[in-house]
Protein backbone atom coordinates (compact mmCIF):
# COMPACT_ATOMS: atom_id res chain seq x y z
CA MET A 1 14.50 -2.31 -32.41
CA ALA A 2 13.77 -5.37 -30.28
CA ASP A 3 15.19 -5.65 -26.78
CA THR A 4 16.52 -9.20 -26.72
CA ASN A 5 16.62 -9.20 -22.92
CA ARG A 6 13.00 -8.05 -22.66
CA THR A 7 13.77 -5.46 -19.99
CA TRP A 8 10.83 -3.16 -20.72
CA ARG A 9 8.31 -2.71 -17.92
CA LEU A 10 4.56 -2.21 -17.84
CA GLY A 11 3.46 -0.38 -14.69
CA ILE A 12 -0.16 0.07 -13.62
CA ASP A 13 -1.51 1.79 -10.53
CA VAL A 14 -5.17 1.92 -9.51
CA GLY A 15 -6.36 5.09 -7.82
CA GLY A 16 -9.75 6.07 -6.49
CA THR A 17 -10.44 8.22 -9.57
CA ASN A 18 -8.08 7.08 -12.32
CA THR A 19 -6.13 3.97 -13.25
CA ASP A 20 -2.76 4.99 -14.68
CA ALA A 21 -0.51 2.90 -16.90
CA VAL A 22 2.99 3.45 -18.27
CA ILE A 23 5.57 1.55 -20.27
CA ILE A 24 9.24 2.13 -19.47
CA ASP A 25 12.04 0.88 -21.70
CA GLY A 26 15.27 -0.85 -20.75
CA ASP A 27 16.97 2.49 -20.17
CA LEU A 28 14.17 3.47 -17.75
CA GLN A 29 12.76 6.04 -20.18
CA LEU A 30 9.00 6.59 -20.35
CA VAL A 31 7.71 5.53 -23.78
CA ALA A 32 3.93 5.40 -23.20
CA ALA A 33 1.46 6.68 -20.59
CA THR A 34 -2.28 6.97 -20.10
CA LYS A 35 -4.97 7.71 -17.53
CA SER A 36 -8.22 5.75 -17.59
CA PRO A 37 -11.22 6.13 -15.23
CA THR A 38 -11.16 3.59 -12.39
CA THR A 39 -14.13 1.28 -12.81
CA GLU A 40 -16.38 -0.14 -10.13
CA ASP A 41 -15.09 -3.65 -10.76
CA VAL A 42 -11.48 -2.28 -10.94
CA MET A 43 -10.26 -4.95 -13.36
CA SER A 44 -11.97 -3.57 -16.48
CA GLY A 45 -10.28 -0.21 -15.80
CA ILE A 46 -6.94 -2.00 -15.54
CA GLU A 47 -7.58 -3.78 -18.83
CA SER A 48 -8.54 -0.53 -20.56
CA ALA A 49 -5.43 1.33 -19.36
CA MET A 50 -3.20 -1.62 -20.29
CA HIS A 51 -4.66 -1.85 -23.79
CA GLU A 52 -4.16 1.87 -24.37
CA VAL A 53 -0.43 1.98 -23.56
CA LEU A 54 0.22 -1.23 -25.50
CA THR A 55 -1.54 0.33 -28.48
CA GLN A 56 0.64 3.43 -28.14
CA VAL A 57 3.88 1.47 -28.52
CA GLY A 58 2.60 -1.11 -31.01
CA SER A 59 2.84 -4.89 -30.95
CA GLU A 60 6.49 -5.06 -32.08
CA ALA A 61 7.72 -2.82 -29.25
CA ALA A 62 5.36 -4.49 -26.78
CA ALA A 63 7.28 -7.72 -27.36
CA ASN A 64 10.13 -6.10 -25.39
CA ILE A 65 8.08 -6.12 -22.19
CA GLY A 66 9.42 -8.62 -19.68
CA PHE A 67 7.85 -7.33 -16.47
CA ALA A 68 4.38 -6.19 -15.46
CA MET A 69 3.70 -4.43 -12.15
CA LEU A 70 0.34 -3.72 -10.56
CA GLY A 71 -0.44 -1.43 -7.66
CA THR A 72 -4.05 -2.10 -6.79
CA THR A 73 -6.82 -1.14 -4.37
CA HIS A 74 -8.55 -4.53 -4.56
CA CYS A 75 -7.68 -5.53 -0.99
CA THR A 76 -8.40 -2.12 0.48
CA ASN A 77 -11.78 -2.03 -1.26
CA ALA A 78 -12.68 -5.51 -0.03
CA ILE A 79 -12.15 -4.46 3.60
CA VAL A 80 -13.81 -1.06 3.29
CA GLU A 81 -16.80 -2.45 1.37
CA ARG A 82 -17.01 -5.61 3.54
CA LYS A 83 -17.20 -7.77 0.41
CA ARG A 84 -15.48 -10.87 -1.01
CA LEU A 85 -13.82 -11.72 2.33
CA ASN A 86 -12.95 -15.25 3.41
CA LYS A 87 -14.52 -17.05 6.37
CA VAL A 88 -11.69 -16.89 8.93
CA ALA A 89 -10.86 -19.02 11.94
CA ALA A 90 -8.97 -16.74 14.33
CA LEU A 91 -6.74 -18.98 16.43
CA ARG A 92 -5.16 -17.41 19.51
CA ILE A 93 -2.31 -19.24 21.25
CA GLY A 94 -2.28 -17.83 24.75
CA ALA A 95 -4.41 -19.73 27.26
CA PRO A 96 -4.63 -19.22 30.14
CA ALA A 97 -3.11 -15.72 29.93
CA THR A 98 -5.15 -13.95 27.23
CA THR A 99 -8.77 -14.35 28.24
CA ALA A 100 -9.29 -10.82 29.57
CA VAL A 101 -9.88 -9.25 26.13
CA SER A 102 -11.76 -11.27 23.55
CA CYS A 103 -10.69 -11.60 19.94
CA MET A 104 -11.89 -8.70 17.73
CA ALA A 105 -13.46 -6.96 20.75
CA ASP A 106 -13.42 -3.52 19.08
CA TRP A 107 -14.22 -4.55 15.49
CA PRO A 108 -17.24 -3.14 13.64
CA GLN A 109 -19.96 -5.76 13.76
CA GLU A 110 -20.63 -5.58 10.03
CA LEU A 111 -17.01 -6.44 9.27
CA LYS A 112 -17.08 -9.42 11.63
CA ASP A 113 -20.31 -10.55 9.97
CA ALA A 114 -18.79 -10.20 6.49
CA MET A 115 -15.87 -12.43 7.48
CA ARG A 116 -17.99 -14.90 9.50
CA VAL A 117 -15.09 -15.09 11.93
CA GLY A 118 -14.87 -17.84 14.52
CA ASP A 119 -12.39 -17.41 17.35
CA PHE A 120 -10.51 -20.23 19.07
CA LEU A 121 -8.18 -20.26 22.08
CA VAL A 122 -5.54 -22.91 22.82
CA HIS A 123 -2.86 -23.24 25.48
CA GLY A 124 0.59 -21.92 24.66
CA GLY A 125 2.44 -18.66 24.03
CA ASN A 126 5.53 -17.01 25.43
CA GLU A 127 6.59 -14.39 27.93
CA PHE A 128 8.39 -11.22 26.81
CA ASP A 129 11.74 -12.93 27.32
CA GLY A 130 10.82 -16.04 25.31
CA ARG A 131 9.90 -18.31 28.24
CA GLU A 132 6.79 -20.43 27.67
CA ILE A 133 3.56 -19.33 29.35
CA SER A 134 2.43 -22.90 28.95
CA PRO A 135 3.29 -25.74 26.56
CA LEU A 136 1.59 -25.63 23.17
CA SER A 137 -1.41 -27.98 23.18
CA GLU A 138 -1.31 -29.94 19.93
CA ASP A 139 -4.45 -31.87 20.87
CA GLU A 140 -6.35 -28.59 21.09
CA LEU A 141 -4.93 -27.57 17.73
CA ARG A 142 -6.22 -30.77 16.16
CA ASP A 143 -9.66 -30.10 17.66
CA VAL A 144 -9.60 -26.65 16.07
CA ALA A 145 -8.58 -28.13 12.74
CA ARG A 146 -11.53 -30.52 12.91
CA THR A 147 -13.93 -27.65 13.52
CA VAL A 148 -12.37 -25.62 10.71
CA ARG A 149 -12.89 -28.51 8.32
CA GLU A 150 -16.43 -29.36 9.46
CA GLU A 151 -17.74 -25.78 9.58
CA GLY A 152 -16.26 -24.67 6.27
CA TYR A 153 -13.73 -22.10 7.37
CA GLU A 154 -11.63 -20.92 4.41
CA SER A 155 -8.55 -19.54 6.14
CA VAL A 156 -6.82 -19.57 9.54
CA ALA A 157 -5.05 -16.69 11.30
CA VAL A 158 -2.66 -17.84 14.04
CA THR A 159 -1.58 -15.36 16.72
CA SER A 160 0.64 -16.35 19.64
CA VAL A 161 1.61 -14.20 22.61
CA PHE A 162 4.97 -12.47 22.04
CA SER A 163 5.58 -14.29 18.75
CA PRO A 164 7.89 -11.45 17.58
CA VAL A 165 10.19 -12.69 20.37
CA SER A 166 9.65 -16.41 19.77
CA ASP A 167 7.63 -17.70 16.82
CA ALA A 168 8.17 -21.37 17.71
CA HIS A 169 4.56 -21.96 18.81
CA GLU A 170 3.11 -20.30 15.72
CA ARG A 171 5.31 -22.31 13.39
CA ARG A 172 4.54 -25.58 15.14
CA ALA A 173 0.82 -24.72 15.06
CA ALA A 174 1.09 -24.19 11.30
CA GLU A 175 2.68 -27.62 10.91
CA VAL A 176 -0.06 -29.32 12.95
CA LEU A 177 -2.83 -27.49 11.08
CA ALA A 178 -1.29 -28.24 7.68
CA ALA A 179 -1.08 -31.92 8.57
CA GLU A 180 -4.81 -31.91 9.37
CA LEU A 181 -6.08 -29.52 6.66
CA GLY A 182 -3.58 -30.01 3.84
CA ASP A 183 -0.48 -28.13 2.77
CA GLU A 184 -2.46 -25.81 0.49
CA PHE A 185 -4.86 -24.58 3.17
CA PRO A 186 -4.18 -20.85 3.76
CA ILE A 187 -2.61 -20.17 7.16
CA THR A 188 -1.46 -16.72 8.28
CA LEU A 189 1.13 -16.39 11.07
CA SER A 190 1.06 -13.11 12.98
CA SER A 191 4.84 -13.07 13.46
CA GLU A 192 5.15 -12.63 9.67
CA ILE A 193 2.67 -9.74 9.56
CA GLY A 194 2.85 -7.42 12.57
CA SER A 195 5.10 -6.43 15.45
CA LEU A 196 4.73 -6.01 19.21
CA GLY A 197 1.21 -5.19 20.34
CA PHE A 198 -0.79 -8.37 20.63
CA LEU A 199 -4.30 -7.20 19.70
CA GLU A 200 -3.16 -5.04 16.77
CA ARG A 201 -0.99 -7.87 15.43
CA GLU A 202 -3.89 -10.29 15.79
CA ASN A 203 -6.17 -7.87 13.93
CA ALA A 204 -3.72 -7.49 11.04
CA SER A 205 -3.32 -11.26 10.76
CA ILE A 206 -7.07 -11.84 10.64
CA LEU A 207 -7.43 -9.24 7.89
CA ASN A 208 -4.62 -10.87 5.93
CA ALA A 209 -6.34 -14.25 6.23
CA ALA A 210 -9.64 -12.75 5.06
CA LEU A 211 -8.02 -11.43 1.87
CA HIS A 212 -6.82 -14.81 0.57
CA ASP A 213 -9.38 -15.17 -2.22
CA VAL A 214 -9.25 -11.48 -3.16
CA ALA A 215 -5.49 -11.72 -3.64
CA HIS A 216 -5.74 -14.85 -5.76
CA THR A 217 -8.55 -13.42 -7.89
CA THR A 218 -6.66 -10.15 -8.41
CA ALA A 219 -3.38 -11.79 -9.38
CA ASP A 220 -5.06 -14.37 -11.62
CA GLY A 221 -7.20 -11.67 -13.25
CA PHE A 222 -4.15 -9.50 -13.96
CA GLU A 223 -2.28 -12.44 -15.48
CA ALA A 224 -5.32 -13.29 -17.61
CA ALA A 225 -5.54 -9.68 -18.83
CA LEU A 226 -1.87 -9.76 -19.75
CA ALA A 227 -2.35 -13.05 -21.61
CA ALA A 228 -5.26 -11.54 -23.55
CA GLU A 229 -2.85 -8.84 -24.77
CA GLY A 230 -0.24 -11.43 -25.79
CA LEU A 231 1.90 -10.98 -22.65
CA SER A 232 1.38 -14.37 -21.05
CA ASP A 233 5.08 -14.98 -20.37
CA VAL A 234 6.02 -11.74 -18.56
CA THR A 235 7.10 -11.78 -14.91
CA VAL A 236 4.36 -10.31 -12.75
CA TYR A 237 4.77 -8.32 -9.53
CA LEU A 238 2.34 -6.57 -7.22
CA GLY A 239 3.12 -3.35 -5.38
CA GLN A 240 3.50 -3.42 -1.61
CA ASN A 241 3.11 -0.53 0.78
CA ASP A 242 6.76 0.28 1.38
CA GLY A 243 7.29 1.44 -2.21
CA THR A 244 8.66 -1.88 -3.45
CA LEU A 245 7.36 -4.95 -5.24
CA MET A 246 6.59 -8.57 -4.42
CA SER A 247 6.15 -11.64 -6.56
CA VAL A 248 2.67 -13.02 -7.22
CA ASP A 249 3.22 -15.99 -4.89
CA TYR A 250 4.42 -13.69 -2.12
CA ALA A 251 1.45 -11.36 -2.64
CA LYS A 252 -0.95 -14.28 -2.36
CA ARG A 253 0.56 -15.13 1.05
CA TYR A 254 0.64 -11.55 2.31
CA PRO A 255 -2.13 -9.61 0.53
CA ILE A 256 -2.41 -7.11 3.38
CA PHE A 257 0.93 -5.63 2.30
CA THR A 258 -0.76 -4.28 -0.85
CA ILE A 259 -2.87 -1.88 1.24
CA ALA A 260 -1.80 1.76 0.67
CA CYS A 261 0.63 0.81 -2.10
CA GLY A 262 -0.80 3.60 -4.30
CA PRO A 263 0.60 6.51 -2.25
CA THR A 264 3.95 4.75 -1.85
CA ASN A 265 4.13 4.18 -5.61
CA SER A 266 3.60 7.91 -6.05
CA ILE A 267 6.37 8.69 -3.55
CA ARG A 268 8.80 6.38 -5.33
CA GLY A 269 7.73 7.77 -8.69
CA ALA A 270 8.29 11.31 -7.43
CA SER A 271 11.81 10.35 -6.37
CA PHE A 272 12.57 8.76 -9.74
CA LEU A 273 11.22 11.70 -11.76
CA THR A 274 13.07 14.37 -9.76
CA HIS A 275 16.15 12.41 -8.54
CA GLU A 276 15.37 13.69 -5.04
CA LYS A 277 15.95 11.34 -2.09
CA ASP A 278 14.50 13.44 0.75
CA ALA A 279 11.34 15.48 0.30
CA VAL A 280 7.65 15.83 1.13
CA VAL A 281 5.54 14.37 -1.67
CA VAL A 282 2.06 15.79 -2.33
CA ASP A 283 -0.03 13.42 -4.45
CA ILE A 284 -3.27 15.10 -5.55
CA GLY A 285 -5.88 12.97 -7.25
CA GLY A 286 -9.49 13.51 -8.19
CA THR A 287 -10.88 13.02 -4.69
CA THR A 288 -8.10 13.17 -2.09
CA THR A 289 -4.60 14.47 -1.49
CA ASP A 290 -2.07 12.10 0.08
CA VAL A 291 1.02 13.65 1.63
CA GLY A 292 3.97 11.44 2.52
CA VAL A 293 7.67 11.75 3.20
CA LEU A 294 10.49 10.56 0.98
CA ALA A 295 13.39 9.55 3.24
CA HIS A 296 16.59 8.20 1.68
CA GLY A 297 14.66 7.36 -1.47
CA PHE A 298 11.86 5.36 0.19
CA PRO A 299 8.54 6.25 1.87
CA ARG A 300 8.79 6.99 5.57
CA GLU A 301 7.06 4.29 7.61
CA SER A 302 4.43 5.05 10.23
CA MET A 303 5.49 4.29 13.79
CA ILE A 304 1.98 4.19 15.26
CA ALA A 305 -0.98 1.86 14.99
CA VAL A 306 -2.96 2.41 11.80
CA GLU A 307 -6.66 1.79 11.31
CA ILE A 308 -7.72 -0.25 8.27
CA GLY A 309 -11.47 -0.41 7.76
CA ASP A 310 -11.96 0.87 11.36
CA VAL A 311 -9.68 -1.86 12.75
CA ARG A 312 -6.46 -1.02 14.61
CA THR A 313 -3.41 -2.80 13.20
CA ASN A 314 0.36 -2.61 13.63
CA PHE A 315 1.78 -4.03 10.43
CA ARG A 316 4.02 -1.76 8.40
CA MET A 317 2.21 1.15 6.76
CA PRO A 318 3.45 4.37 5.15
CA ASP A 319 3.32 7.56 7.19
CA LEU A 320 0.63 9.55 5.39
CA VAL A 321 -1.76 12.42 5.85
CA SER A 322 -4.83 12.26 3.62
CA VAL A 323 -7.17 15.21 3.13
CA GLY A 324 -10.34 15.64 1.10
CA LEU A 325 -8.90 17.77 -1.68
CA GLY A 326 -8.81 16.75 -5.33
CA GLY A 327 -9.59 17.92 -8.82
CA GLY A 328 -13.22 16.97 -8.33
CA SER A 329 -13.63 18.60 -4.90
CA ILE A 330 -16.86 20.60 -4.75
CA VAL A 331 -16.57 24.34 -4.10
CA ARG A 332 -19.33 26.09 -2.13
CA GLN A 333 -19.90 29.65 -1.00
CA ALA A 334 -21.62 30.11 2.35
CA ALA A 335 -24.17 32.79 3.14
CA ASP A 336 -21.56 34.72 5.13
CA GLY A 337 -19.25 34.84 2.10
CA GLY A 338 -16.90 32.09 3.25
CA VAL A 339 -15.78 29.48 0.75
CA SER A 340 -15.28 25.74 1.31
CA VAL A 341 -13.47 23.25 -0.92
CA GLY A 342 -14.37 19.57 -0.44
CA PRO A 343 -14.15 17.17 1.23
CA ASP A 344 -16.93 15.78 -1.01
CA SER A 345 -16.04 15.32 -4.66
CA VAL A 346 -17.45 14.35 -8.03
CA GLY A 347 -14.39 12.08 -8.36
CA TYR A 348 -13.91 10.41 -11.72
CA LYS A 349 -16.99 12.23 -13.06
CA VAL A 350 -15.07 15.53 -13.03
CA THR A 351 -14.72 15.53 -16.83
CA ARG A 352 -18.51 15.40 -17.12
CA GLU A 353 -19.80 17.35 -14.13
CA ALA A 354 -17.26 20.17 -13.63
CA ARG A 355 -18.35 23.47 -15.14
CA CYS A 356 -15.27 23.82 -17.30
CA PHE A 357 -16.28 20.57 -19.00
CA GLY A 358 -19.89 21.60 -19.55
CA GLY A 359 -21.34 20.32 -16.28
CA ASP A 360 -23.10 22.26 -13.54
CA VAL A 361 -20.95 21.50 -10.44
CA LEU A 362 -18.35 24.04 -9.33
CA THR A 363 -15.14 22.14 -8.56
CA ALA A 364 -11.56 22.87 -7.60
CA THR A 365 -10.58 22.22 -11.23
CA ASP A 366 -12.90 25.04 -12.32
CA ILE A 367 -11.08 27.41 -9.96
CA VAL A 368 -7.62 26.81 -11.44
CA VAL A 369 -8.99 26.87 -14.99
CA ALA A 370 -10.63 30.24 -14.23
CA ARG A 371 -7.26 31.50 -12.95
CA GLY A 372 -5.56 30.42 -16.19
CA GLN A 373 -3.35 27.90 -14.36
CA ALA A 374 -4.47 24.73 -16.15
CA ALA A 375 -3.65 25.05 -19.82
CA GLY A 376 -5.40 22.47 -21.96
CA VAL A 377 -7.89 21.49 -19.22
CA GLY A 378 -11.55 22.10 -20.00
CA ASP A 379 -12.88 25.26 -21.63
CA PRO A 380 -11.93 28.51 -19.84
CA ALA A 381 -14.89 30.27 -21.49
CA LEU A 382 -17.29 28.12 -19.47
CA VAL A 383 -15.94 29.54 -16.17
CA ALA A 384 -15.21 33.06 -17.34
CA ASP A 385 -18.32 34.35 -15.54
CA LEU A 386 -17.18 33.22 -12.09
CA ASP A 387 -16.95 35.97 -9.47
CA PRO A 388 -13.22 36.86 -9.15
CA GLY A 389 -13.64 37.17 -5.39
CA LEU A 390 -15.02 33.64 -5.20
CA VAL A 391 -12.18 32.32 -7.36
CA ASP A 392 -9.50 33.99 -5.22
CA ALA A 393 -11.10 32.85 -1.95
CA ALA A 394 -11.41 29.25 -3.19
CA TYR A 395 -7.83 29.22 -4.41
CA ALA A 396 -6.60 30.55 -1.08
CA GLU A 397 -8.48 27.71 0.64
CA ILE A 398 -6.91 25.14 -1.70
CA LYS A 399 -3.46 26.54 -0.92
CA ARG A 400 -4.18 26.50 2.83
CA ILE A 401 -5.28 22.85 2.79
CA ILE A 402 -2.12 21.77 0.98
CA GLU A 403 0.18 23.84 3.22
CA ASP A 404 -1.44 22.50 6.39
CA ALA A 405 -1.02 18.90 5.16
CA VAL A 406 2.66 19.50 4.30
CA ASP A 407 3.21 21.11 7.70
CA ALA A 408 1.69 18.08 9.42
CA MET A 409 4.35 15.82 7.88
CA LYS A 410 7.38 17.97 8.70
CA THR A 411 9.62 16.94 11.57
CA SER A 412 11.35 20.32 11.88
CA ALA A 413 10.45 23.97 11.46
CA GLY A 414 12.74 24.52 8.47
CA ASP A 415 11.70 24.69 4.85
CA VAL A 416 11.51 21.42 2.93
CA THR A 417 11.53 20.33 -0.69
CA VAL A 418 8.00 19.59 -1.90
CA ILE A 419 7.30 17.42 -4.94
CA LEU A 420 3.87 17.72 -6.57
CA VAL A 421 2.52 14.67 -8.41
CA GLY A 422 -0.84 13.26 -9.44
CA GLY A 423 -3.26 14.52 -12.06
CA GLY A 424 -4.82 16.89 -9.56
CA SER A 425 -1.56 18.64 -8.74
CA ILE A 426 -2.53 21.34 -11.24
CA LEU A 427 -4.40 22.69 -8.21
CA ALA A 428 -1.21 23.46 -6.30
CA PRO A 429 0.69 26.75 -6.64
CA ASP A 430 4.36 26.94 -7.56
CA GLU A 431 5.17 28.38 -4.14
CA LEU A 432 4.05 27.05 -0.75
CA GLU A 433 4.61 28.39 2.74
CA GLY A 434 7.24 26.23 4.45
CA ALA A 435 8.68 24.86 1.19
CA GLY A 436 12.19 25.82 0.13
CA LYS A 437 11.43 24.67 -3.40
CA VAL A 438 8.40 23.18 -5.11
CA LEU A 439 8.99 20.67 -7.91
CA ARG A 440 6.42 19.52 -10.45
CA PRO A 441 8.30 17.00 -12.64
CA GLU A 442 7.53 16.05 -16.19
CA ASN A 443 4.98 13.21 -16.30
CA PHE A 444 3.79 14.18 -12.80
CA GLY A 445 0.29 12.95 -13.64
CA VAL A 446 1.38 9.30 -13.86
CA ALA A 447 4.00 9.29 -11.10
CA ASN A 448 2.17 6.45 -9.33
CA ALA A 449 2.39 4.14 -12.34
CA VAL A 450 6.02 5.18 -12.86
CA GLY A 451 6.73 4.29 -9.23
CA SER A 452 5.15 0.90 -9.76
CA ALA A 453 7.19 0.26 -12.90
CA ILE A 454 10.60 1.25 -11.57
CA ALA A 455 10.27 -0.23 -8.08
CA GLN A 456 12.67 -2.72 -6.56
CA VAL A 457 11.86 -5.73 -4.39
CA SER A 458 12.24 -5.64 -0.62
CA GLY A 459 12.21 -7.78 2.47
CA GLN A 460 11.61 -6.49 5.99
CA VAL A 461 12.09 -7.99 9.42
CA ALA A 462 11.03 -6.66 12.81
CA LYS A 463 11.95 -8.96 15.68
CA VAL A 464 12.60 -8.69 19.41
CA PHE A 465 15.71 -10.31 20.86
CA SER A 466 16.75 -10.94 24.45
CA LEU A 467 20.33 -9.73 24.91
CA SER A 468 20.83 -12.31 27.65
CA GLU A 469 20.61 -14.99 24.96
CA ILE A 470 22.27 -13.31 21.97
CA SER A 471 24.64 -10.38 21.50
CA ARG A 472 23.47 -7.21 19.78
CA GLU A 473 25.89 -7.78 16.90
CA ASP A 474 24.69 -11.35 16.32
CA ALA A 475 21.04 -10.28 16.55
CA ILE A 476 21.57 -7.59 13.91
CA ALA A 477 23.48 -10.02 11.69
CA ALA A 478 20.67 -12.59 11.96
CA SER A 479 18.06 -9.94 11.16
CA LYS A 480 20.01 -8.77 8.11
CA GLU A 481 20.20 -12.31 6.79
CA ARG A 482 16.48 -12.85 7.39
CA ALA A 483 15.65 -9.61 5.58
CA ARG A 484 17.79 -10.66 2.61
CA GLU A 485 15.98 -14.00 2.50
CA GLU A 486 12.61 -12.20 2.61
CA ALA A 487 13.65 -10.00 -0.33
CA ILE A 488 14.73 -13.01 -2.35
CA ASP A 489 11.47 -14.81 -1.53
CA ALA A 490 9.58 -11.72 -2.70
CA GLY A 491 11.31 -11.86 -6.10
CA ALA A 492 14.63 -10.02 -5.79
CA ASP A 493 17.78 -11.00 -7.64
CA PRO A 494 20.02 -12.51 -4.89
CA ASP A 495 23.13 -10.88 -6.38
CA THR A 496 21.69 -7.37 -6.02
CA VAL A 497 20.14 -7.51 -2.55
CA GLU A 498 21.55 -5.04 -0.04
CA VAL A 499 20.49 -3.87 3.40
CA VAL A 500 19.29 -0.26 3.26
CA GLU A 501 17.89 0.27 6.77
CA VAL A 502 18.87 -1.02 10.21
CA GLU A 503 17.19 0.20 13.36
CA ASP A 504 17.62 -1.20 16.86
CA ILE A 505 15.47 0.06 19.71
CA PRO A 506 16.15 -0.92 23.35
CA MET A 507 12.89 -1.83 25.08
CA ALA A 508 13.63 -1.03 28.70
CA TYR A 509 10.14 -1.98 29.88
CA LEU A 510 10.84 -5.54 28.69
CA GLY A 511 14.12 -5.94 30.56
CA ASP A 512 17.08 -6.60 28.24
CA ALA A 513 14.94 -6.78 25.09
CA LEU A 514 16.04 -5.18 21.83
CA CYS A 515 13.70 -4.61 18.86
CA ILE A 516 15.56 -4.78 15.55
CA ARG A 517 14.05 -3.65 12.26
CA VAL A 518 15.91 -4.33 9.02
CA LYS A 519 15.00 -3.63 5.39
CA ALA A 520 16.78 -5.20 2.42
CA VAL A 521 16.21 -4.20 -1.21
CA GLY A 522 17.20 -5.78 -4.51
CA ASN A 523 16.55 -5.47 -8.24
CA LEU A 524 14.00 -7.57 -10.08
CA ARG A 525 15.03 -11.13 -10.70
CA VAL A 526 15.52 -11.62 -14.44
CA ALA A 527 14.90 -15.12 -15.75
CA GLN A 528 17.89 -16.55 -17.58
CA PRO A 529 17.29 -17.35 -21.27
């Protein structure tokens, strides 16, 4: 039967080993799912997984699909591989106060070379309480714009001192640059990306600016793939790294927010599949295991600087521990009888190279197949000759790695609920030290794609206020309104947006400053017929 409101959802998530796809109907029931090897170019793997689930439901049912969601590693890969990055003009507003440490002082040289970054310094910026360090020099900005135009820079990242307190200089700089370079020229403002911590915020903004073309190519490629399958009129969203979604236009402005969206999709998917709101989620893939925390239904955010491609940043990122354990992890026995598992892996080649599939590499998957704990995986006869002592020792090492990772994410000594997801979670035992209960939900293998499909849309704000200029209550109210606006801009239905997190942190070392963080979440905006 056709769904006249077209509320079905197609969710796709790209992992390091597999690209998973699901279709969920209007009642949020899973109606199709598949796993396809992630390809080197990424997009062909997406197209293959998409085609498979659409074939499963048939063309008539596929006509019910009104939304398509993609969680992708395109931006992460571009930074890690140092490829397809834009030529960035890094503009710092802070003379004469910020000359002690140069722009990108601690960056890997090969990454700077890949981005062909040019750094510029103009007068301006603010003190911690919002007072100007010096007036913004618009003449210097116009000189920068001229150089950007003449030397072929493709994007500009603007970072002003203490812009989380006052973003006036950044916004005025954007206006001046747009007047010189055109309204369509990509300009990143650091106040929209990171928080306090000047160098880390500057780094995050430069990375965001460098990902402009990657984001456009990814979004356009996904829309083209949908059109090729007859889904040219669906509403498209990309996953962001807080477990929610953002519209295509929003993703093109803030591509850095797609980084690490895979683990957060898995965390949200784990919550949806188990109905748990607070738990530790263990997502085991073919190469790595990502462990995160589900807090009040959403991934817990990291409170420390996070390195992306060997660059320190301070934009929002999920709090994760990643370890080199997956279904393809290579098992070795040392001369002294000890056994190691990983961190190297055969990855997506596990179905060809693992012994239980006829290959000649002993992997973690072989160990669980030999123990009879992976029904339907490989051929147990091919690993029947394994030394039982080796199998037990390898399995004990697998269990230890998982338990240590779970323990690293706990904030108290008590037992926690652990949810196992990901295709590689067949490796994990049903009982873990430190876990009150261990859940392995139905459809655990595609939890990441489920998380992508069922996600909501969010908006987040982190801003510093001076309580000598505004009351705490008014500052929180203003932040809530800004977060709601961000959620709506990202694609949320205005009637469903609600504030789900409010945090205010006094910053005594900055006088009467108060840092306020607010998150608002809403349902997908449905176009009216």
